[in-house]
Amino acid sequence: MSDIFALSSYDYELPSHLIATSPTKPKESANLLVYERNNSKITHAKFGDLMDFLPDCDIIFNDTKVVKARIYGKKSSGGAVELLLNQPLGDGKFSTLIKGRIKVGAILEFDKGLSCEVIEILDEYRIVKFYQNQELLDTPKLYKILNQIGHIPLPPYIKRDDEKSDEVWYQSVFAKNDGAVAAPTASLHFSDEMIQNLQTKHNISYITLHVGAGTFKSVETSDIRDHKIHSEIYSISDQAIKSINSHRAILGVGTTVTRCVEYFYKSGIKDGLCDLFLHPANPPQRQNYLLTNFHLPKSTLIMLVASFVGLENVKEIYKQAIDRGYKFYSYGDAMLVI
C-alpha cells in the first residue's frame, strides 16, 4: 500500500501524446470513465451517456469566466515582457506572473495605453498596479481592457499559441462572471443541449470560484500535509446554498465546485477566499459525487480525487485511462465518481 501522505505516491508517467492540446468535437464524443465507489466498478463510456449513469442528485456548476489574462508588452528598456494576471488583491493591487527578471519600480507598457508598475516581488508572484493613461484601474476596468488586448491563458502543458477558437472552447457555455485565469475544465464538456436535458431531471445551481494560476502548481513538499494550498476568490449563490443545506445528494462539476461546497459546509461563509486542501486524510463531508478531468501528477487536484476514491483506486483508474488512450488535462476526457 502506498503512503497517502507521501508526495511520490501521487506521481505517474503519462505519455506525451495523451496530453490533449485541442478540445474533442463534438463535446459529447469525449470519453467518460465512470467509477462506482460501492463496488469499485469501472465503466468506459462517452460523455454523451452521462445522464445514463447519474444518480438522483442536485448538480452544482462553476460559472466563472476566463479572462484574457496573458498580455505581451515591453519594459522601459525596450525588452519584451509577458505577464499573466493571477488575481486581484484589493486597493488596486494584483498578483501576476511575469517572465524574466524584473525589479520593484519597473514600468511595463502594453497596448491600448495599458501599463503596470511593479510594487512588490514575492517568491513566485509579482504584485503590480495597472494604469491606463495614468488612471489607476480597478478590477472591472482592467478586465475590460484585457478582454480587448489579451490572450486566452492556455495551460502551460498545451505547447501552442492560443487561437481564436480557444475563446469559445476554453470557456464553459454558462460562463458569466469574469475572473478566472484557467477554465474549470470539467464544465467544458457540456453543450447547451446537455444542460437543458439535465434540467429536466436535476436541480442545477451555480457557485463562482475564480480559478487562479496556482491550480497548475505541483505540490513540492515530500509530505503533502506540509503543502500550503493557493487561495481563490469565490461566492456561492443562494440556490447552491439551498442545495448544500438540504439532504439532497450533490454532484459537483469539477474540483473547484468541490472545494467551494466543502469550504462553505465547514465554514458557513458564502464568499471570500477558498483555501481548502482536500486529500485522503481530509475527505469531503458534504458532496456525494464528482465529475472531473484527469489531472497533473503531484497536483492538489489528483489528491482531491483520491479523497473521494482512495489513493490505490486513483492509481487503477488512471492506469486504465492511460491504457485505453484517454486524453488528459484541460481539453481532455472526463471521469464520473458516483
C-alpha atoms as a PDB file:
ATOM      1  CA  MET A   1       0.000   0.000   0.000  1.00  0.00           C
ATOM      2  CA  SER A   2       1.205   3.481  -0.823  1.00  0.00           C
ATOM      3  CA  ASP A   3       1.708   6.158   1.807  1.00  0.00           C
ATOM      4  CA  ILE A   4      -1.215   8.584   1.422  1.00  0.00           C
ATOM      5  CA  PHE A   5       0.913  11.430   2.781  1.00  0.00           C
ATOM      6  CA  ALA A   6       3.945  10.857   0.516  1.00  0.00           C
ATOM      7  CA  LEU A   7       4.123  13.179  -2.479  1.00  0.00           C
ATOM      8  CA  SER A   8       5.739  10.415  -4.523  1.00  0.00           C
ATOM      9  CA  SER A   9       2.555   8.344  -4.177  1.00  0.00           C
ATOM     10  CA  TYR A  10       0.736  10.815  -6.443  1.00  0.00           C
ATOM     11  CA  ASP A  11       3.220  10.624  -9.301  1.00  0.00           C
ATOM     12  CA  TYR A  12       2.599   8.739 -12.534  1.00  0.00           C
ATOM     13  CA  GLU A  13       4.037   8.513 -16.033  1.00  0.00           C
ATOM     14  CA  LEU A  14       1.903   9.949 -18.815  1.00  0.00           C
ATOM     15  CA  PRO A  15       2.873   9.512 -22.474  1.00  0.00           C
ATOM     16  CA  SER A  16       3.079  12.978 -24.009  1.00  0.00           C
ATOM     17  CA  HIS A  17       0.701  12.047 -26.845  1.00  0.00           C
ATOM     18  CA  LEU A  18      -2.109  11.669 -24.287  1.00  0.00           C
ATOM     19  CA  ILE A  19      -1.951  15.360 -23.303  1.00  0.00           C
ATOM     20  CA  ALA A  20      -4.911  16.969 -25.066  1.00  0.00           C
ATOM     21  CA  THR A  21      -3.870  20.083 -26.966  1.00  0.00           C
ATOM     22  CA  SER A  22      -7.279  20.755 -28.507  1.00  0.00           C
ATOM     23  CA  PRO A  23     -10.877  20.017 -27.493  1.00  0.00           C
ATOM     24  CA  THR A  24     -12.877  16.977 -28.532  1.00  0.00           C
ATOM     25  CA  LYS A  25     -15.574  17.827 -31.050  1.00  0.00           C
ATOM     26  CA  PRO A  26     -18.445  17.344 -30.637  1.00  0.00           C
ATOM     27  CA  LYS A  27     -18.278  17.635 -26.849  1.00  0.00           C
ATOM     28  CA  GLU A  28     -20.475  14.568 -26.316  1.00  0.00           C
ATOM     29  CA  SER A  29     -17.917  12.325 -28.054  1.00  0.00           C
ATOM     30  CA  ALA A  30     -15.293  12.729 -25.311  1.00  0.00           C
ATOM     31  CA  ASN A  31     -14.511   9.623 -23.284  1.00  0.00           C
ATOM     32  CA  LEU A  32     -16.149   9.208 -19.874  1.00  0.00           C
ATOM     33  CA  LEU A  33     -14.798   6.854 -17.228  1.00  0.00           C
ATOM     34  CA  VAL A  34     -17.404   6.012 -14.591  1.00  0.00           C
ATOM     35  CA  TYR A  35     -16.218   4.796 -11.189  1.00  0.00           C
ATOM     36  CA  GLU A  36     -18.729   3.329  -8.731  1.00  0.00           C
ATOM     37  CA  ARG A  37     -17.436   3.598  -5.183  1.00  0.00           C
ATOM     38  CA  ASN A  38     -19.719   0.974  -3.657  1.00  0.00           C
ATOM     39  CA  ASN A  39     -18.254  -1.842  -5.748  1.00  0.00           C
ATOM     40  CA  SER A  40     -15.117  -0.332  -7.360  1.00  0.00           C
ATOM     41  CA  LYS A  41     -16.602  -0.958 -10.810  1.00  0.00           C
ATOM     42  CA  ILE A  42     -15.143   0.966 -13.741  1.00  0.00           C
ATOM     43  CA  THR A  43     -17.202   1.542 -16.891  1.00  0.00           C
ATOM     44  CA  HIS A  44     -15.922   3.164 -20.067  1.00  0.00           C
ATOM     45  CA  ALA A  45     -18.477   5.267 -21.925  1.00  0.00           C
ATOM     46  CA  LYS A  46     -18.890   8.532 -23.832  1.00  0.00           C
ATOM     47  CA  PHE A  47     -19.707  11.876 -22.280  1.00  0.00           C
ATOM     48  CA  GLY A  48     -22.997  11.958 -24.129  1.00  0.00           C
ATOM     49  CA  ASP A  49     -24.031   8.972 -21.970  1.00  0.00           C
ATOM     50  CA  LEU A  50     -23.613  10.940 -18.733  1.00  0.00           C
ATOM     51  CA  MET A  51     -27.305  11.001 -17.828  1.00  0.00           C
ATOM     52  CA  ASP A  52     -27.448   7.204 -18.049  1.00  0.00           C
ATOM     53  CA  PHE A  53     -25.122   6.995 -15.055  1.00  0.00           C
ATOM     54  CA  LEU A  54     -26.169   9.945 -12.897  1.00  0.00           C
ATOM     55  CA  PRO A  55     -27.988   9.090  -9.659  1.00  0.00           C
ATOM     56  CA  ASP A  56     -30.807  11.318  -8.412  1.00  0.00           C
ATOM     57  CA  CYS A  57     -28.971  14.445  -7.274  1.00  0.00           C
ATOM     58  CA  ASP A  58     -28.646  18.215  -7.439  1.00  0.00           C
ATOM     59  CA  ILE A  59     -25.884  19.480  -9.733  1.00  0.00           C
ATOM     60  CA  ILE A  60     -23.631  22.446  -8.999  1.00  0.00           C
ATOM     61  CA  PHE A  61     -21.535  24.167 -11.680  1.00  0.00           C
ATOM     62  CA  ASN A  62     -18.887  26.892 -11.547  1.00  0.00           C
ATOM     63  CA  ASP A  63     -19.936  29.873 -13.689  1.00  0.00           C
ATOM     64  CA  THR A  64     -16.616  31.716 -13.595  1.00  0.00           C
ATOM     65  CA  LYS A  65     -15.454  33.201 -16.895  1.00  0.00           C
ATOM     66  CA  VAL A  66     -11.889  33.053 -18.165  1.00  0.00           C
ATOM     67  CA  VAL A  67     -10.326  36.471 -18.698  1.00  0.00           C
ATOM     68  CA  LYS A  68      -7.809  37.051 -21.493  1.00  0.00           C
ATOM     69  CA  ALA A  69      -5.214  37.215 -18.767  1.00  0.00           C
ATOM     70  CA  ARG A  70      -1.991  36.801 -20.778  1.00  0.00           C
ATOM     71  CA  ILE A  71      -0.610  40.021 -22.256  1.00  0.00           C
ATOM     72  CA  TYR A  72       2.572  40.920 -24.096  1.00  0.00           C
ATOM     73  CA  GLY A  73       4.354  44.225 -23.838  1.00  0.00           C
ATOM     74  CA  LYS A  74       7.717  45.815 -23.247  1.00  0.00           C
ATOM     75  CA  LYS A  75       9.904  47.148 -20.466  1.00  0.00           C
ATOM     76  CA  SER A  76      11.060  50.752 -20.392  1.00  0.00           C
ATOM     77  CA  SER A  77      14.392  49.397 -21.698  1.00  0.00           C
ATOM     78  CA  GLY A  78      12.597  48.112 -24.783  1.00  0.00           C
ATOM     79  CA  GLY A  79      12.855  44.440 -23.894  1.00  0.00           C
ATOM     80  CA  ALA A  80       9.856  42.189 -24.467  1.00  0.00           C
ATOM     81  CA  VAL A  81       7.809  41.052 -21.498  1.00  0.00           C
ATOM     82  CA  GLU A  82       4.999  38.540 -20.908  1.00  0.00           C
ATOM     83  CA  LEU A  83       2.584  38.950 -17.988  1.00  0.00           C
ATOM     84  CA  LEU A  84      -0.069  36.573 -16.711  1.00  0.00           C
ATOM     85  CA  LEU A  85      -2.640  38.005 -14.325  1.00  0.00           C
ATOM     86  CA  ASN A  86      -3.381  35.855 -11.285  1.00  0.00           C
ATOM     87  CA  GLN A  87      -5.969  37.640  -9.172  1.00  0.00           C
ATOM     88  CA  PRO A  88      -6.963  40.997  -7.662  1.00  0.00           C
ATOM     89  CA  LEU A  89      -5.777  41.729  -4.134  1.00  0.00           C
ATOM     90  CA  GLY A  90      -7.778  44.882  -3.424  1.00  0.00           C
ATOM     91  CA  ASP A  91      -6.682  48.525  -3.266  1.00  0.00           C
ATOM     92  CA  GLY A  92      -5.794  48.424  -6.968  1.00  0.00           C
ATOM     93  CA  LYS A  93      -3.197  45.684  -6.483  1.00  0.00           C
ATOM     94  CA  PHE A  94      -2.973  42.461  -8.495  1.00  0.00           C
ATOM     95  CA  SER A  95      -0.787  39.392  -8.242  1.00  0.00           C
ATOM     96  CA  THR A  96       0.799  38.393 -11.531  1.00  0.00           C
ATOM     97  CA  LEU A  97       3.373  36.077 -13.046  1.00  0.00           C
ATOM     98  CA  ILE A  98       5.970  37.915 -15.144  1.00  0.00           C
ATOM     99  CA  LYS A  99       8.507  36.076 -17.280  1.00  0.00           C
ATOM    100  CA  GLY A 100      12.091  37.225 -16.903  1.00  0.00           C
ATOM    101  CA  ARG A 101      13.926  39.407 -14.421  1.00  0.00           C
ATOM    102  CA  ILE A 102      12.091  42.405 -13.141  1.00  0.00           C
ATOM    103  CA  LYS A 103      12.709  44.958 -10.396  1.00  0.00           C
ATOM    104  CA  VAL A 104      10.474  46.828  -7.987  1.00  0.00           C
ATOM    105  CA  GLY A 105       9.551  50.123  -9.603  1.00  0.00           C
ATOM    106  CA  ALA A 106       9.717  48.757 -13.144  1.00  0.00           C
ATOM    107  CA  ILE A 107       7.107  50.117 -15.548  1.00  0.00           C
ATOM    108  CA  LEU A 108       5.734  47.737 -18.183  1.00  0.00           C
ATOM    109  CA  GLU A 109       3.823  49.013 -21.192  1.00  0.00           C
ATOM    110  CA  PHE A 110       1.125  47.243 -23.210  1.00  0.00           C
ATOM    111  CA  ASP A 111      -1.400  48.079 -25.932  1.00  0.00           C
ATOM    112  CA  LYS A 112      -4.346  50.497 -25.508  1.00  0.00           C
ATOM    113  CA  GLY A 113      -2.344  52.736 -23.172  1.00  0.00           C
ATOM    114  CA  LEU A 114      -2.227  49.992 -20.513  1.00  0.00           C
ATOM    115  CA  SER A 115       0.781  49.948 -18.206  1.00  0.00           C
ATOM    116  CA  CYS A 116       1.683  48.494 -14.854  1.00  0.00           C
ATOM    117  CA  GLU A 117       4.101  49.299 -12.072  1.00  0.00           C
ATOM    118  CA  VAL A 118       5.805  46.500 -10.156  1.00  0.00           C
ATOM    119  CA  ILE A 119       5.420  47.372  -6.475  1.00  0.00           C
ATOM    120  CA  GLU A 120       6.468  44.143  -4.744  1.00  0.00           C
ATOM    121  CA  ILE A 121       8.320  40.949  -5.613  1.00  0.00           C
ATOM    122  CA  LEU A 122       7.339  37.754  -3.807  1.00  0.00           C
ATOM    123  CA  ASP A 123       8.818  34.280  -4.189  1.00  0.00           C
ATOM    124  CA  GLU A 124       6.599  33.458  -7.143  1.00  0.00           C
ATOM    125  CA  TYR A 125       4.222  36.323  -7.826  1.00  0.00           C
ATOM    126  CA  ARG A 126       4.853  39.950  -8.726  1.00  0.00           C
ATOM    127  CA  ILE A 127       2.464  42.487  -7.198  1.00  0.00           C
ATOM    128  CA  VAL A 128       1.541  45.277  -9.588  1.00  0.00           C
ATOM    129  CA  LYS A 129      -0.810  48.182 -10.123  1.00  0.00           C
ATOM    130  CA  PHE A 130      -2.349  48.779 -13.550  1.00  0.00           C
ATOM    131  CA  TYR A 131      -2.932  52.122 -15.212  1.00  0.00           C
ATOM    132  CA  GLN A 132      -4.466  53.326 -18.448  1.00  0.00           C
ATOM    133  CA  ASN A 133      -3.193  56.706 -19.498  1.00  0.00           C
ATOM    134  CA  GLN A 134      -2.128  57.250 -15.864  1.00  0.00           C
ATOM    135  CA  GLU A 135      -5.554  56.378 -14.417  1.00  0.00           C
ATOM    136  CA  LEU A 136      -5.344  53.676 -11.729  1.00  0.00           C
ATOM    137  CA  LEU A 137      -7.544  50.769 -12.828  1.00  0.00           C
ATOM    138  CA  ASP A 138      -9.930  48.798 -10.688  1.00  0.00           C
ATOM    139  CA  THR A 139     -10.741  45.163 -11.457  1.00  0.00           C
ATOM    140  CA  PRO A 140     -13.727  45.626 -13.843  1.00  0.00           C
ATOM    141  CA  LYS A 141     -11.888  48.270 -15.887  1.00  0.00           C
ATOM    142  CA  LEU A 142      -8.776  46.094 -16.098  1.00  0.00           C
ATOM    143  CA  TYR A 143     -10.766  43.031 -17.212  1.00  0.00           C
ATOM    144  CA  LYS A 144     -12.457  45.103 -19.920  1.00  0.00           C
ATOM    145  CA  ILE A 145      -9.081  46.138 -21.341  1.00  0.00           C
ATOM    146  CA  LEU A 146      -7.591  42.651 -21.026  1.00  0.00           C
ATOM    147  CA  ASN A 147     -10.500  41.186 -22.956  1.00  0.00           C
ATOM    148  CA  GLN A 148      -9.644  43.624 -25.761  1.00  0.00           C
ATOM    149  CA  ILE A 149      -5.871  43.161 -25.928  1.00  0.00           C
ATOM    150  CA  GLY A 150      -5.091  39.942 -24.096  1.00  0.00           C
ATOM    151  CA  HIS A 151      -4.795  36.263 -24.964  1.00  0.00           C
ATOM    152  CA  ILE A 152      -6.653  33.239 -23.612  1.00  0.00           C
ATOM    153  CA  PRO A 153      -4.265  31.827 -20.961  1.00  0.00           C
ATOM    154  CA  LEU A 154      -3.931  28.250 -22.168  1.00  0.00           C
ATOM    155  CA  PRO A 155      -2.291  25.977 -19.574  1.00  0.00           C
ATOM    156  CA  PRO A 156       1.494  25.579 -19.678  1.00  0.00           C
ATOM    157  CA  TYR A 157       1.287  21.973 -20.887  1.00  0.00           C
ATOM    158  CA  ILE A 158      -0.520  22.991 -24.090  1.00  0.00           C
ATOM    159  CA  LYS A 159       2.521  23.765 -26.211  1.00  0.00           C
ATOM    160  CA  ARG A 160       0.967  26.085 -28.761  1.00  0.00           C
ATOM    161  CA  ASP A 161      -0.193  29.660 -29.062  1.00  0.00           C
ATOM    162  CA  ASP A 162      -3.814  30.406 -28.298  1.00  0.00           C
ATOM    163  CA  GLU A 163      -6.158  30.592 -31.276  1.00  0.00           C
ATOM    164  CA  LYS A 164      -9.422  32.408 -31.903  1.00  0.00           C
ATOM    165  CA  SER A 165     -11.341  29.142 -31.380  1.00  0.00           C
ATOM    166  CA  ASP A 166      -9.964  28.869 -27.832  1.00  0.00           C
ATOM    167  CA  GLU A 167     -12.061  31.899 -26.904  1.00  0.00           C
ATOM    168  CA  VAL A 168     -15.085  29.617 -27.339  1.00  0.00           C
ATOM    169  CA  TRP A 169     -13.770  26.174 -26.438  1.00  0.00           C
ATOM    170  CA  TYR A 170     -11.735  27.166 -23.358  1.00  0.00           C
ATOM    171  CA  GLN A 171     -14.875  28.596 -21.774  1.00  0.00           C
ATOM    172  CA  SER A 172     -17.970  26.889 -20.411  1.00  0.00           C
ATOM    173  CA  VAL A 173     -21.265  27.586 -22.188  1.00  0.00           C
ATOM    174  CA  PHE A 174     -22.605  29.105 -18.955  1.00  0.00           C
ATOM    175  CA  ALA A 175     -19.542  31.219 -18.092  1.00  0.00           C
ATOM    176  CA  LYS A 176     -20.784  34.510 -16.681  1.00  0.00           C
ATOM    177  CA  ASN A 177     -18.532  36.169 -14.100  1.00  0.00           C
ATOM    178  CA  ASP A 178     -15.124  37.445 -15.248  1.00  0.00           C
ATOM    179  CA  GLY A 179     -12.191  36.492 -13.072  1.00  0.00           C
ATOM    180  CA  ALA A 180     -10.655  33.098 -13.884  1.00  0.00           C
ATOM    181  CA  VAL A 181      -7.228  32.677 -15.454  1.00  0.00           C
ATOM    182  CA  ALA A 182      -7.862  28.976 -16.065  1.00  0.00           C
ATOM    183  CA  ALA A 183     -11.065  27.206 -17.033  1.00  0.00           C
ATOM    184  CA  PRO A 184     -12.995  24.935 -14.659  1.00  0.00           C
ATOM    185  CA  THR A 185     -12.300  22.154 -17.112  1.00  0.00           C
ATOM    186  CA  ALA A 186     -14.985  19.608 -16.208  1.00  0.00           C
ATOM    187  CA  SER A 187     -17.529  22.214 -17.322  1.00  0.00           C
ATOM    188  CA  LEU A 188     -16.020  22.419 -20.802  1.00  0.00           C
ATOM    189  CA  HIS A 189     -17.660  19.103 -21.718  1.00  0.00           C
ATOM    190  CA  PHE A 190     -21.200  20.473 -21.532  1.00  0.00           C
ATOM    191  CA  SER A 191     -23.145  21.807 -24.516  1.00  0.00           C
ATOM    192  CA  ASP A 192     -26.234  23.965 -24.181  1.00  0.00           C
ATOM    193  CA  GLU A 193     -28.319  20.969 -25.180  1.00  0.00           C
ATOM    194  CA  MET A 194     -26.842  18.791 -22.449  1.00  0.00           C
ATOM    195  CA  ILE A 195     -27.556  21.459 -19.833  1.00  0.00           C
ATOM    196  CA  GLN A 196     -31.155  21.669 -20.997  1.00  0.00           C
ATOM    197  CA  ASN A 197     -31.506  17.879 -20.801  1.00  0.00           C
ATOM    198  CA  LEU A 198     -30.012  17.791 -17.306  1.00  0.00           C
ATOM    199  CA  GLN A 199     -32.523  20.405 -16.129  1.00  0.00           C
ATOM    200  CA  THR A 200     -35.399  18.045 -16.907  1.00  0.00           C
ATOM    201  CA  LYS A 201     -34.286  15.666 -14.129  1.00  0.00           C
ATOM    202  CA  HIS A 202     -31.931  17.588 -11.843  1.00  0.00           C
ATOM    203  CA  ASN A 203     -31.871  20.838  -9.888  1.00  0.00           C
ATOM    204  CA  ILE A 204     -28.980  22.925 -11.208  1.00  0.00           C
ATOM    205  CA  SER A 205     -27.280  25.767  -9.352  1.00  0.00           C
ATOM    206  CA  TYR A 206     -24.022  27.705  -9.564  1.00  0.00           C
ATOM    207  CA  ILE A 207     -21.105  28.826  -7.490  1.00  0.00           C
ATOM    208  CA  THR A 208     -18.406  31.187  -8.710  1.00  0.00           C
ATOM    209  CA  LEU A 209     -14.800  30.332  -7.989  1.00  0.00           C
ATOM    210  CA  HIS A 210     -12.227  32.246  -9.999  1.00  0.00           C
ATOM    211  CA  VAL A 211      -9.576  29.685 -10.849  1.00  0.00           C
ATOM    212  CA  GLY A 212      -6.083  31.066 -10.257  1.00  0.00           C
ATOM    213  CA  ALA A 213      -2.693  30.243 -11.717  1.00  0.00           C
ATOM    214  CA  GLY A 214      -1.929  28.200  -8.606  1.00  0.00           C
ATOM    215  CA  THR A 215      -4.190  25.421  -9.903  1.00  0.00           C
ATOM    216  CA  PHE A 216      -1.293  24.224 -12.102  1.00  0.00           C
ATOM    217  CA  LYS A 217       1.305  24.324  -9.336  1.00  0.00           C
ATOM    218  CA  SER A 218       2.657  20.957  -8.217  1.00  0.00           C
ATOM    219  CA  VAL A 219       2.962  20.127  -4.557  1.00  0.00           C
ATOM    220  CA  GLU A 220       6.655  20.280  -3.642  1.00  0.00           C
ATOM    221  CA  THR A 221       6.726  19.149  -0.016  1.00  0.00           C
ATOM    222  CA  SER A 222       7.580  15.468   0.454  1.00  0.00           C
ATOM    223  CA  ASP A 223       4.722  15.196   2.975  1.00  0.00           C
ATOM    224  CA  ILE A 224       1.583  16.596   1.356  1.00  0.00           C
ATOM    225  CA  ARG A 225       0.299  17.786   4.734  1.00  0.00           C
ATOM    226  CA  ASP A 226       3.031  20.434   4.709  1.00  0.00           C
ATOM    227  CA  HIS A 227       1.756  21.970   1.473  1.00  0.00           C
ATOM    228  CA  LYS A 228       0.128  25.395   1.659  1.00  0.00           C
ATOM    229  CA  ILE A 229      -2.570  25.447  -0.990  1.00  0.00           C
ATOM    230  CA  HIS A 230      -3.329  28.545  -3.040  1.00  0.00           C
ATOM    231  CA  SER A 231      -6.362  30.734  -2.316  1.00  0.00           C
ATOM    232  CA  GLU A 232      -9.060  31.555  -4.847  1.00  0.00           C
ATOM    233  CA  ILE A 233     -11.899  34.083  -4.769  1.00  0.00           C
ATOM    234  CA  TYR A 234     -15.349  32.517  -4.507  1.00  0.00           C
ATOM    235  CA  SER A 235     -19.012  33.229  -3.914  1.00  0.00           C
ATOM    236  CA  ILE A 236     -21.956  30.853  -3.588  1.00  0.00           C
ATOM    237  CA  SER A 237     -25.429  31.550  -4.934  1.00  0.00           C
ATOM    238  CA  ASP A 238     -28.458  31.267  -2.673  1.00  0.00           C
ATOM    239  CA  GLN A 239     -29.735  28.393  -4.796  1.00  0.00           C
ATOM    240  CA  ALA A 240     -26.484  26.470  -4.322  1.00  0.00           C
ATOM    241  CA  ILE A 241     -26.607  27.168  -0.585  1.00  0.00           C
ATOM    242  CA  LYS A 242     -30.119  25.734  -0.544  1.00  0.00           C
ATOM    243  CA  SER A 243     -28.819  22.500  -2.115  1.00  0.00           C
ATOM    244  CA  ILE A 244     -25.862  22.301   0.265  1.00  0.00           C
ATOM    245  CA  ASN A 245     -28.095  22.839   3.303  1.00  0.00           C
ATOM    246  CA  SER A 246     -30.621  20.247   2.113  1.00  0.00           C
ATOM    247  CA  HIS A 247     -30.456  16.484   2.439  1.00  0.00           C
ATOM    248  CA  ARG A 248     -30.217  16.068  -1.332  1.00  0.00           C
ATOM    249  CA  ALA A 249     -27.268  14.274  -2.892  1.00  0.00           C
ATOM    250  CA  ILE A 250     -24.921  16.661  -4.721  1.00  0.00           C
ATOM    251  CA  LEU A 251     -22.830  16.253  -7.865  1.00  0.00           C
ATOM    252  CA  GLY A 252     -20.061  18.814  -8.034  1.00  0.00           C
ATOM    253  CA  VAL A 253     -18.916  19.511 -11.585  1.00  0.00           C
ATOM    254  CA  GLY A 254     -15.197  19.976 -11.144  1.00  0.00           C
ATOM    255  CA  THR A 255     -12.687  20.239  -8.341  1.00  0.00           C
ATOM    256  CA  THR A 256     -13.378  23.967  -7.981  1.00  0.00           C
ATOM    257  CA  VAL A 257     -17.012  23.302  -7.131  1.00  0.00           C
ATOM    258  CA  THR A 258     -15.990  20.563  -4.709  1.00  0.00           C
ATOM    259  CA  ARG A 259     -13.596  22.798  -2.805  1.00  0.00           C
ATOM    260  CA  CYS A 260     -16.185  25.563  -2.703  1.00  0.00           C
ATOM    261  CA  VAL A 261     -19.031  23.319  -1.499  1.00  0.00           C
ATOM    262  CA  GLU A 262     -16.861  21.781   1.202  1.00  0.00           C
ATOM    263  CA  TYR A 263     -15.417  25.130   2.302  1.00  0.00           C
ATOM    264  CA  PHE A 264     -18.916  26.544   2.755  1.00  0.00           C
ATOM    265  CA  TYR A 265     -20.111  23.376   4.505  1.00  0.00           C
ATOM    266  CA  LYS A 266     -17.283  23.666   7.028  1.00  0.00           C
ATOM    267  CA  SER A 267     -17.302  27.455   7.472  1.00  0.00           C
ATOM    268  CA  GLY A 268     -20.769  28.747   6.600  1.00  0.00           C
ATOM    269  CA  ILE A 269     -19.083  31.638   4.752  1.00  0.00           C
ATOM    270  CA  LYS A 270     -20.708  32.308   1.377  1.00  0.00           C
ATOM    271  CA  ASP A 271     -17.970  34.431  -0.222  1.00  0.00           C
ATOM    272  CA  GLY A 272     -14.305  35.249   0.269  1.00  0.00           C
ATOM    273  CA  LEU A 273     -11.138  33.229  -0.293  1.00  0.00           C
ATOM    274  CA  CYS A 274     -11.210  29.444  -0.550  1.00  0.00           C
ATOM    275  CA  ASP A 275      -8.021  27.661   0.536  1.00  0.00           C
ATOM    276  CA  LEU A 276      -9.348  24.192   1.349  1.00  0.00           C
ATOM    277  CA  PHE A 277      -6.986  21.295   0.636  1.00  0.00           C
ATOM    278  CA  LEU A 278      -8.853  18.010   0.214  1.00  0.00           C
ATOM    279  CA  HIS A 279      -6.848  14.764   0.285  1.00  0.00           C
ATOM    280  CA  PRO A 280      -7.370  11.213   1.612  1.00  0.00           C
ATOM    281  CA  ALA A 281      -6.906  12.290   5.222  1.00  0.00           C
ATOM    282  CA  ASN A 282      -9.221  15.295   4.727  1.00  0.00           C
ATOM    283  CA  PRO A 283     -12.063  13.902   2.599  1.00  0.00           C
ATOM    284  CA  PRO A 284     -15.264  15.685   1.567  1.00  0.00           C
ATOM    285  CA  GLN A 285     -18.066  15.722   4.129  1.00  0.00           C
ATOM    286  CA  ARG A 286     -20.991  17.031   2.050  1.00  0.00           C
ATOM    287  CA  GLN A 287     -20.540  16.456  -1.662  1.00  0.00           C
ATOM    288  CA  ASN A 288     -21.546  12.977  -2.792  1.00  0.00           C
ATOM    289  CA  TYR A 289     -20.461  12.708  -6.420  1.00  0.00           C
ATOM    290  CA  LEU A 290     -17.729  14.225  -8.567  1.00  0.00           C
ATOM    291  CA  LEU A 291     -17.308  14.923 -12.262  1.00  0.00           C
ATOM    292  CA  THR A 292     -13.769  15.883 -13.187  1.00  0.00           C
ATOM    293  CA  ASN A 293     -10.985  15.573 -15.759  1.00  0.00           C
ATOM    294  CA  PHE A 294      -7.671  13.728 -15.393  1.00  0.00           C
ATOM    295  CA  HIS A 295      -5.111  15.780 -13.533  1.00  0.00           C
ATOM    296  CA  LEU A 296      -1.404  16.516 -13.357  1.00  0.00           C
ATOM    297  CA  PRO A 297       0.879  14.265 -11.286  1.00  0.00           C
ATOM    298  CA  LYS A 298       1.665  15.560  -7.789  1.00  0.00           C
ATOM    299  CA  SER A 299      -1.109  18.168  -8.011  1.00  0.00           C
ATOM    300  CA  THR A 300      -3.636  19.035  -5.326  1.00  0.00           C
ATOM    301  CA  LEU A 301      -6.298  18.091  -7.880  1.00  0.00           C
ATOM    302  CA  ILE A 302      -5.308  14.427  -8.120  1.00  0.00           C
ATOM    303  CA  MET A 303      -5.141  14.415  -4.310  1.00  0.00           C
ATOM    304  CA  LEU A 304      -8.706  15.737  -4.230  1.00  0.00           C
ATOM    305  CA  VAL A 305      -9.836  12.849  -6.444  1.00  0.00           C
ATOM    306  CA  ALA A 306      -8.039  10.474  -4.055  1.00  0.00           C
ATOM    307  CA  SER A 307     -10.063  11.995  -1.214  1.00  0.00           C
ATOM    308  CA  PHE A 308     -13.185  10.585  -2.894  1.00  0.00           C
ATOM    309  CA  VAL A 309     -11.987   7.162  -4.037  1.00  0.00           C
ATOM    310  CA  GLY A 310      -8.750   6.413  -2.186  1.00  0.00           C
ATOM    311  CA  LEU A 311      -5.194   6.519  -3.452  1.00  0.00           C
ATOM    312  CA  GLU A 312      -4.977   2.929  -4.700  1.00  0.00           C
ATOM    313  CA  ASN A 313      -8.203   3.317  -6.657  1.00  0.00           C
ATOM    314  CA  VAL A 314      -6.932   6.540  -8.259  1.00  0.00           C
ATOM    315  CA  LYS A 315      -3.881   4.623  -9.462  1.00  0.00           C
ATOM    316  CA  GLU A 316      -6.038   1.905 -11.009  1.00  0.00           C
ATOM    317  CA  ILE A 317      -8.396   4.430 -12.610  1.00  0.00           C
ATOM    318  CA  TYR A 318      -5.519   6.378 -14.136  1.00  0.00           C
ATOM    319  CA  LYS A 319      -3.800   3.195 -15.315  1.00  0.00           C
ATOM    320  CA  GLN A 320      -6.921   2.091 -17.157  1.00  0.00           C
ATOM    321  CA  ALA A 321      -7.394   5.537 -18.650  1.00  0.00           C
ATOM    322  CA  ILE A 322      -3.810   5.576 -19.937  1.00  0.00           C
ATOM    323  CA  ASP A 323      -4.048   2.020 -21.268  1.00  0.00           C
ATOM    324  CA  ARG A 324      -7.218   2.943 -23.174  1.00  0.00           C
ATOM    325  CA  GLY A 325      -5.753   6.116 -24.644  1.00  0.00           C
ATOM    326  CA  TYR A 326      -7.832   8.660 -22.759  1.00  0.00           C
ATOM    327  CA  LYS A 327      -6.830  12.281 -23.250  1.00  0.00           C
ATOM    328  CA  PHE A 328      -5.610  14.098 -20.138  1.00  0.00           C
ATOM    329  CA  TYR A 329      -5.789  17.575 -18.604  1.00  0.00           C
ATOM    330  CA  SER A 330      -7.803  20.655 -19.555  1.00  0.00           C
ATOM    331  CA  TYR A 331      -9.004  19.686 -23.020  1.00  0.00           C
ATOM    332  CA  GLY A 332      -9.043  16.007 -22.106  1.00  0.00           C
ATOM    333  CA  ASP A 333     -11.591  13.357 -21.228  1.00  0.00           C
ATOM    334  CA  ALA A 334     -13.705  13.090 -18.072  1.00  0.00           C
ATOM    335  CA  MET A 335     -14.372  10.798 -15.141  1.00  0.00           C
ATOM    336  CA  LEU A 336     -17.502  10.482 -13.030  1.00  0.00           C
ATOM    337  CA  VAL A 337     -17.278   9.265  -9.430  1.00  0.00           C
ATOM    338  CA  ILE A 338     -20.606   8.026  -8.047  1.00  0.00           C
END
